[in-house]
């Protein structure tokens, strides 16, 4: 049963799964314990999920990143 769930997630939501894994792995490398450190882990997972979601939607990441960080004055 668990194998079917994992296979489904990997095949149907590959970008999100990879994004979550990378966000979690990166945060664990930098964090030990505590409230703020745990909040950082959640933040990294969220960012990884958002990037993975964009990959699943076949969005152009370059345009998405430019829109995310564009200047308010432009």
PDB file of N, CA and C in Angstrom:
ATOM      1  N   UNK A   1       0.824  -1.195   0.000  1.00  0.00           N
ATOM      2  CA  UNK A   1       0.000   0.000   0.000  1.00  0.00           C
ATOM      3  C   UNK A   1       0.872   1.265   0.000  1.00  0.00           C
ATOM      4  N   UNK A   2       1.860   1.296   0.895  1.00  0.00           N
ATOM      5  CA  UNK A   2       2.745   2.454   0.968  1.00  0.00           C
ATOM      6  C   UNK A   2       3.537   2.617  -0.332  1.00  0.00           C
ATOM      7  N   UNK A   3       3.920   1.505  -0.936  1.00  0.00           N
ATOM      8  CA  UNK A   3       4.653   1.564  -2.204  1.00  0.00           C
ATOM      9  C   UNK A   3       3.820   2.216  -3.298  1.00  0.00           C
ATOM     10  N   UNK A   4       2.511   1.917  -3.323  1.00  0.00           N
ATOM     11  CA  UNK A   4       1.625   2.520  -4.328  1.00  0.00           C
ATOM     12  C   UNK A   4       1.502   4.020  -4.120  1.00  0.00           C
ATOM     13  N   UNK A   5       1.407   4.434  -2.868  1.00  0.00           N
ATOM     14  CA  UNK A   5       1.297   5.862  -2.557  1.00  0.00           C
ATOM     15  C   UNK A   5       2.568   6.585  -2.966  1.00  0.00           C
ATOM     16  N   UNK A   6       3.723   6.014  -2.606  1.00  0.00           N
ATOM     17  CA  UNK A   6       4.998   6.634  -2.962  1.00  0.00           C
ATOM     18  C   UNK A   6       5.160   6.702  -4.480  1.00  0.00           C
ATOM     19  N   UNK A   7       4.828   5.626  -5.173  1.00  0.00           N
ATOM     20  CA  UNK A   7       4.921   5.605  -6.632  1.00  0.00           C
ATOM     21  C   UNK A   7       3.998   6.656  -7.254  1.00  0.00           C
ATOM     22  N   UNK A   8       2.777   6.789  -6.736  1.00  0.00           N
ATOM     23  CA  UNK A   8       1.833   7.786  -7.235  1.00  0.00           C
ATOM     24  C   UNK A   8       2.395   9.196  -7.053  1.00  0.00           C
ATOM     25  N   UNK A   9       2.911   9.484  -5.858  1.00  0.00           N
ATOM     26  CA  UNK A   9       3.444  10.820  -5.583  1.00  0.00           C
ATOM     27  C   UNK A   9       4.636  11.115  -6.489  1.00  0.00           C
ATOM     28  N   UNK A  10       5.514  10.151  -6.652  1.00  0.00           N
ATOM     29  CA  UNK A  10       6.707  10.364  -7.481  1.00  0.00           C
ATOM     30  C   UNK A  10       6.336  10.556  -8.948  1.00  0.00           C
ATOM     31  N   UNK A  11       5.354   9.805  -9.445  1.00  0.00           N
ATOM     32  CA  UNK A  11       5.013   9.916 -10.866  1.00  0.00           C
ATOM     33  C   UNK A  11       4.111  11.108 -11.164  1.00  0.00           C
ATOM     34  N   UNK A  12       3.150  11.363 -10.311  1.00  0.00           N
ATOM     35  CA  UNK A  12       2.175  12.424 -10.599  1.00  0.00           C
ATOM     36  C   UNK A  12       2.580  13.794 -10.066  1.00  0.00           C
ATOM     37  N   UNK A  13       3.394  13.838  -9.026  1.00  0.00           N
ATOM     38  CA  UNK A  13       3.761  15.108  -8.385  1.00  0.00           C
ATOM     39  C   UNK A  13       5.269  15.150  -8.159  1.00  0.00           C
ATOM     40  N   UNK A  14       6.021  14.804  -9.180  1.00  0.00           N
ATOM     41  CA  UNK A  14       7.470  14.683  -9.057  1.00  0.00           C
ATOM     42  C   UNK A  14       8.119  15.993  -8.624  1.00  0.00           C
ATOM     43  N   UNK A  15       7.753  17.090  -9.227  1.00  0.00           N
ATOM     44  CA  UNK A  15       8.367  18.378  -8.900  1.00  0.00           C
ATOM     45  C   UNK A  15       8.129  18.779  -7.463  1.00  0.00           C
ATOM     46  N   UNK A  16       6.886  18.613  -7.001  1.00  0.00           N
ATOM     47  CA  UNK A  16       6.577  18.953  -5.608  1.00  0.00           C
ATOM     48  C   UNK A  16       7.328  18.045  -4.645  1.00  0.00           C
ATOM     49  N   UNK A  17       7.373  16.754  -4.959  1.00  0.00           N
ATOM     50  CA  UNK A  17       8.055  15.799  -4.080  1.00  0.00           C
ATOM     51  C   UNK A  17       9.550  16.111  -4.000  1.00  0.00           C
ATOM     52  N   UNK A  18      10.159  16.393  -5.131  1.00  0.00           N
ATOM     53  CA  UNK A  18      11.585  16.736  -5.136  1.00  0.00           C
ATOM     54  C   UNK A  18      11.812  18.056  -4.407  1.00  0.00           C
ATOM     55  N   UNK A  19      10.946  19.020  -4.638  1.00  0.00           N
ATOM     56  CA  UNK A  19      11.072  20.314  -3.967  1.00  0.00           C
ATOM     57  C   UNK A  19      10.967  20.198  -2.460  1.00  0.00           C
ATOM     58  N   UNK A  20      10.009  19.418  -1.999  1.00  0.00           N
ATOM     59  CA  UNK A  20       9.858  19.216  -0.555  1.00  0.00           C
ATOM     60  C   UNK A  20      11.085  18.506   0.007  1.00  0.00           C
ATOM     61  N   UNK A  21      11.551  17.473  -0.679  1.00  0.00           N
ATOM     62  CA  UNK A  21      12.719  16.738  -0.201  1.00  0.00           C
ATOM     63  C   UNK A  21      13.947  17.645  -0.143  1.00  0.00           C
ATOM     64  N   UNK A  22      14.180  18.434  -1.177  1.00  0.00           N
ATOM     65  CA  UNK A  22      15.339  19.316  -1.188  1.00  0.00           C
ATOM     66  C   UNK A  22      15.246  20.394  -0.115  1.00  0.00           C
ATOM     67  N   UNK A  23      14.061  20.955   0.063  1.00  0.00           N
ATOM     68  CA  UNK A  23      13.880  21.949   1.113  1.00  0.00           C
ATOM     69  C   UNK A  23      14.122  21.361   2.500  1.00  0.00           C
ATOM     70  N   UNK A  24      13.605  20.166   2.722  1.00  0.00           N
ATOM     71  CA  UNK A  24      13.804  19.498   4.003  1.00  0.00           C
ATOM     72  C   UNK A  24      15.268  19.147   4.220  1.00  0.00           C
ATOM     73  N   UNK A  25      15.911  18.592   3.197  1.00  0.00           N
ATOM     74  CA  UNK A  25      17.323  18.213   3.323  1.00  0.00           C
ATOM     75  C   UNK A  25      18.205  19.426   3.580  1.00  0.00           C
ATOM     76  N   UNK A  26      17.959  20.525   2.866  1.00  0.00           N
ATOM     77  CA  UNK A  26      18.761  21.731   3.057  1.00  0.00           C
ATOM     78  C   UNK A  26      18.581  22.297   4.459  1.00  0.00           C
ATOM     79  N   UNK A  27      17.350  22.306   4.930  1.00  0.00           N
ATOM     80  CA  UNK A  27      17.115  22.868   6.259  1.00  0.00           C
ATOM     81  C   UNK A  27      17.717  22.001   7.358  1.00  0.00           C
ATOM     82  N   UNK A  28      17.687  20.690   7.203  1.00  0.00           N
ATOM     83  CA  UNK A  28      18.271  19.804   8.208  1.00  0.00           C
ATOM     84  C   UNK A  28      19.781  19.981   8.268  1.00  0.00           C
ATOM     85  N   UNK A  29      20.409  20.251   7.140  1.00  0.00           N
ATOM     86  CA  UNK A  29      21.853  20.471   7.141  1.00  0.00           C
ATOM     87  C   UNK A  29      22.232  21.695   7.974  1.00  0.00           C
ATOM     88  N   UNK A  30      21.408  22.712   8.000  1.00  0.00           N
ATOM     89  CA  UNK A  30      21.737  23.959   8.675  1.00  0.00           C
ATOM     90  C   UNK A  30      21.135  24.094  10.079  1.00  0.00           C
ATOM     91  N   UNK A  31      20.200  23.251  10.422  1.00  0.00           N
ATOM     92  CA  UNK A  31      19.430  23.447  11.641  1.00  0.00           C
ATOM     93  C   UNK A  31      19.577  22.285  12.606  1.00  0.00           C
ATOM     94  N   UNK A  32      19.566  22.586  13.914  1.00  0.00           N
ATOM     95  CA  UNK A  32      19.523  21.544  14.931  1.00  0.00           C
ATOM     96  C   UNK A  32      18.147  21.518  15.590  1.00  0.00           C
ATOM     97  N   UNK A  33      17.911  22.366  16.574  1.00  0.00           N
ATOM     98  CA  UNK A  33      16.625  22.377  17.280  1.00  0.00           C
ATOM     99  C   UNK A  33      16.254  23.796  17.692  1.00  0.00           C
ATOM    100  N   UNK A  34      15.034  23.988  18.166  1.00  0.00           N
ATOM    101  CA  UNK A  34      14.550  25.279  18.643  1.00  0.00           C
ATOM    102  C   UNK A  34      13.427  25.813  17.775  1.00  0.00           C
ATOM    103  N   UNK A  35      12.698  26.802  18.331  1.00  0.00           N
ATOM    104  CA  UNK A  35      11.534  27.351  17.639  1.00  0.00           C
ATOM    105  C   UNK A  35      11.918  28.002  16.314  1.00  0.00           C
ATOM    106  N   UNK A  36      12.873  28.933  16.365  1.00  0.00           N
ATOM    107  CA  UNK A  36      13.227  29.665  15.153  1.00  0.00           C
ATOM    108  C   UNK A  36      13.855  28.761  14.120  1.00  0.00           C
ATOM    109  N   UNK A  37      14.616  27.815  14.582  1.00  0.00           N
ATOM    110  CA  UNK A  37      15.219  26.869  13.651  1.00  0.00           C
ATOM    111  C   UNK A  37      14.144  25.980  13.023  1.00  0.00           C
ATOM    112  N   UNK A  38      13.173  25.580  13.812  1.00  0.00           N
ATOM    113  CA  UNK A  38      12.068  24.789  13.264  1.00  0.00           C
ATOM    114  C   UNK A  38      11.258  25.610  12.266  1.00  0.00           C
ATOM    115  N   UNK A  39      11.073  26.895  12.564  1.00  0.00           N
ATOM    116  CA  UNK A  39      10.369  27.774  11.626  1.00  0.00           C
ATOM    117  C   UNK A  39      11.145  27.865  10.315  1.00  0.00           C
ATOM    118  N   UNK A  40      12.464  27.859  10.396  1.00  0.00           N
ATOM    119  CA  UNK A  40      13.286  27.882   9.187  1.00  0.00           C
ATOM    120  C   UNK A  40      13.073  26.616   8.360  1.00  0.00           C
ATOM    121  N   UNK A  41      12.951  25.475   9.016  1.00  0.00           N
ATOM    122  CA  UNK A  41      12.693  24.217   8.310  1.00  0.00           C
ATOM    123  C   UNK A  41      11.366  24.302   7.557  1.00  0.00           C
ATOM    124  N   UNK A  42      10.342  24.784   8.230  1.00  0.00           N
ATOM    125  CA  UNK A  42       9.032  24.915   7.590  1.00  0.00           C
ATOM    126  C   UNK A  42       9.115  25.875   6.403  1.00  0.00           C
ATOM    127  N   UNK A  43       9.835  26.958   6.566  1.00  0.00           N
ATOM    128  CA  UNK A  43      10.011  27.925   5.482  1.00  0.00           C
ATOM    129  C   UNK A  43      10.702  27.274   4.282  1.00  0.00           C
ATOM    130  N   UNK A  44      11.758  26.505   4.524  1.00  0.00           N
ATOM    131  CA  UNK A  44      12.478  25.831   3.436  1.00  0.00           C
ATOM    132  C   UNK A  44      11.579  24.827   2.720  1.00  0.00           C
ATOM    133  N   UNK A  45      10.773  24.099   3.477  1.00  0.00           N
ATOM    134  CA  UNK A  45       9.845  23.147   2.868  1.00  0.00           C
ATOM    135  C   UNK A  45       8.827  23.876   2.007  1.00  0.00           C
ATOM    136  N   UNK A  46       8.319  24.994   2.494  1.00  0.00           N
ATOM    137  CA  UNK A  46       7.341  25.779   1.741  1.00  0.00           C
ATOM    138  C   UNK A  46       7.938  26.285   0.428  1.00  0.00           C
ATOM    139  N   UNK A  47       9.153  26.815   0.487  1.00  0.00           N
ATOM    140  CA  UNK A  47       9.813  27.315  -0.727  1.00  0.00           C
ATOM    141  C   UNK A  47      10.047  26.167  -1.706  1.00  0.00           C
ATOM    142  N   UNK A  48      10.502  25.022  -1.188  1.00  0.00           N
ATOM    143  CA  UNK A  48      10.699  23.858  -2.042  1.00  0.00           C
ATOM    144  C   UNK A  48       9.412  23.399  -2.690  1.00  0.00           C
ATOM    145  N   UNK A  49       8.327  23.434  -1.927  1.00  0.00           N
ATOM    146  CA  UNK A  49       7.019  23.055  -2.467  1.00  0.00           C
ATOM    147  C   UNK A  49       6.599  24.012  -3.578  1.00  0.00           C
ATOM    148  N   UNK A  50       6.784  25.308  -3.363  1.00  0.00           N
ATOM    149  CA  UNK A  50       6.376  26.294  -4.365  1.00  0.00           C
ATOM    150  C   UNK A  50       7.169  26.120  -5.667  1.00  0.00           C
ATOM    151  N   UNK A  51       8.463  25.885  -5.560  1.00  0.00           N
ATOM    152  CA  UNK A  51       9.277  25.670  -6.758  1.00  0.00           C
ATOM    153  C   UNK A  51       8.851  24.382  -7.451  1.00  0.00           C
ATOM    154  N   UNK A  52       8.636  23.324  -6.674  1.00  0.00           N
ATOM    155  CA  UNK A  52       8.184  22.057  -7.252  1.00  0.00           C
ATOM    156  C   UNK A  52       6.831  22.178  -7.924  1.00  0.00           C
ATOM    157  N   UNK A  53       5.947  22.969  -7.314  1.00  0.00           N
ATOM    158  CA  UNK A  53       4.622  23.190  -7.902  1.00  0.00           C
ATOM    159  C   UNK A  53       4.746  23.876  -9.257  1.00  0.00           C
ATOM    160  N   UNK A  54       5.632  24.852  -9.345  1.00  0.00           N
ATOM    161  CA  UNK A  54       5.844  25.539 -10.627  1.00  0.00           C
ATOM    162  C   UNK A  54       6.412  24.576 -11.660  1.00  0.00           C
ATOM    163  N   UNK A  55       7.297  23.669 -11.234  1.00  0.00           N
ATOM    164  CA  UNK A  55       7.832  22.673 -12.160  1.00  0.00           C
ATOM    165  C   UNK A  55       6.732  21.740 -12.641  1.00  0.00           C
ATOM    166  N   UNK A  56       5.825  21.342 -11.740  1.00  0.00           N
ATOM    167  CA  UNK A  56       4.708  20.479 -12.122  1.00  0.00           C
ATOM    168  C   UNK A  56       3.787  21.166 -13.118  1.00  0.00           C
ATOM    169  N   UNK A  57       3.630  22.470 -12.990  1.00  0.00           N
ATOM    170  CA  UNK A  57       2.747  23.229 -13.879  1.00  0.00           C
ATOM    171  C   UNK A  57       3.456  23.630 -15.173  1.00  0.00           C
ATOM    172  N   UNK A  58       4.698  23.199 -15.343  1.00  0.00           N
ATOM    173  CA  UNK A  58       5.511  23.548 -16.508  1.00  0.00           C
ATOM    174  C   UNK A  58       5.625  25.051 -16.699  1.00  0.00           C
ATOM    175  N   UNK A  59       5.661  25.780 -15.585  1.00  0.00           N
ATOM    176  CA  UNK A  59       5.807  27.230 -15.643  1.00  0.00           C
ATOM    177  C   UNK A  59       7.257  27.582 -15.963  1.00  0.00           C
ATOM    178  N   UNK A  60       7.454  28.723 -16.576  1.00  0.00           N
ATOM    179  CA  UNK A  60       8.799  29.198 -16.867  1.00  0.00           C
ATOM    180  C   UNK A  60       9.376  29.794 -15.581  1.00  0.00           C
ATOM    181  N   UNK A  61      10.333  29.097 -14.982  1.00  0.00           N
ATOM    182  CA  UNK A  61      10.878  29.525 -13.697  1.00  0.00           C
ATOM    183  C   UNK A  61      11.611  30.851 -13.789  1.00  0.00           C
ATOM    184  N   UNK A  62      12.226  31.148 -14.928  1.00  0.00           N
ATOM    185  CA  UNK A  62      12.940  32.415 -15.071  1.00  0.00           C
ATOM    186  C   UNK A  62      11.969  33.591 -14.968  1.00  0.00           C
ATOM    187  N   UNK A  63      10.843  33.498 -15.651  1.00  0.00           N
ATOM    188  CA  UNK A  63       9.829  34.561 -15.588  1.00  0.00           C
ATOM    189  C   UNK A  63       9.241  34.642 -14.182  1.00  0.00           C
ATOM    190  N   UNK A  64       8.978  33.497 -13.559  1.00  0.00           N
ATOM    191  CA  UNK A  64       8.420  33.471 -12.213  1.00  0.00           C
ATOM    192  C   UNK A  64       9.365  34.135 -11.215  1.00  0.00           C
ATOM    193  N   UNK A  65      10.674  33.842 -11.313  1.00  0.00           N
ATOM    194  CA  UNK A  65      11.655  34.440 -10.396  1.00  0.00           C
ATOM    195  C   UNK A  65      11.780  35.945 -10.647  1.00  0.00           C
ATOM    196  N   UNK A  66      11.742  36.361 -11.914  1.00  0.00           N
ATOM    197  CA  UNK A  66      11.813  37.798 -12.211  1.00  0.00           C
ATOM    198  C   UNK A  66      10.604  38.517 -11.632  1.00  0.00           C
ATOM    199  N   UNK A  67       9.411  37.933 -11.753  1.00  0.00           N
ATOM    200  CA  UNK A  67       8.209  38.543 -11.182  1.00  0.00           C
ATOM    201  C   UNK A  67       8.262  38.568  -9.669  1.00  0.00           C
ATOM    202  N   UNK A  68       8.853  37.541  -9.068  1.00  0.00           N
ATOM    203  CA  UNK A  68       8.943  37.459  -7.619  1.00  0.00           C
ATOM    204  C   UNK A  68       9.844  38.545  -7.065  1.00  0.00           C
ATOM    205  N   UNK A  69      10.958  38.833  -7.757  1.00  0.00           N
ATOM    206  CA  UNK A  69      11.945  39.772  -7.241  1.00  0.00           C
ATOM    207  C   UNK A  69      11.997  41.083  -7.998  1.00  0.00           C
ATOM    208  N   UNK A  70      10.977  41.396  -8.786  1.00  0.00           N
ATOM    209  CA  UNK A  70      11.020  42.637  -9.545  1.00  0.00           C
ATOM    210  C   UNK A  70      10.853  43.843  -8.617  1.00  0.00           C
ATOM    211  N   UNK A  71      11.396  44.944  -9.059  1.00  0.00           N
ATOM    212  CA  UNK A  71      11.354  46.164  -8.276  1.00  0.00           C
ATOM    213  C   UNK A  71       9.942  46.742  -8.259  1.00  0.00           C
ATOM    214  N   UNK A  72       9.552  47.311  -7.161  1.00  0.00           N
ATOM    215  CA  UNK A  72       8.233  47.928  -7.026  1.00  0.00           C
ATOM    216  C   UNK A  72       8.147  49.221  -7.844  1.00  0.00           C
ATOM    217  N   UNK A  73       9.290  49.825  -8.171  1.00  0.00           N
ATOM    218  CA  UNK A  73       9.318  51.089  -8.913  1.00  0.00           C
ATOM    219  C   UNK A  73       9.181  50.908 -10.413  1.00  0.00           C
ATOM    220  N   UNK A  74       9.347  49.689 -10.934  1.00  0.00           N
ATOM    221  CA  UNK A  74       9.302  49.498 -12.385  1.00  0.00           C
ATOM    222  C   UNK A  74       7.913  49.455 -12.904  1.00  0.00           C
TER     223      UNK A  74
END
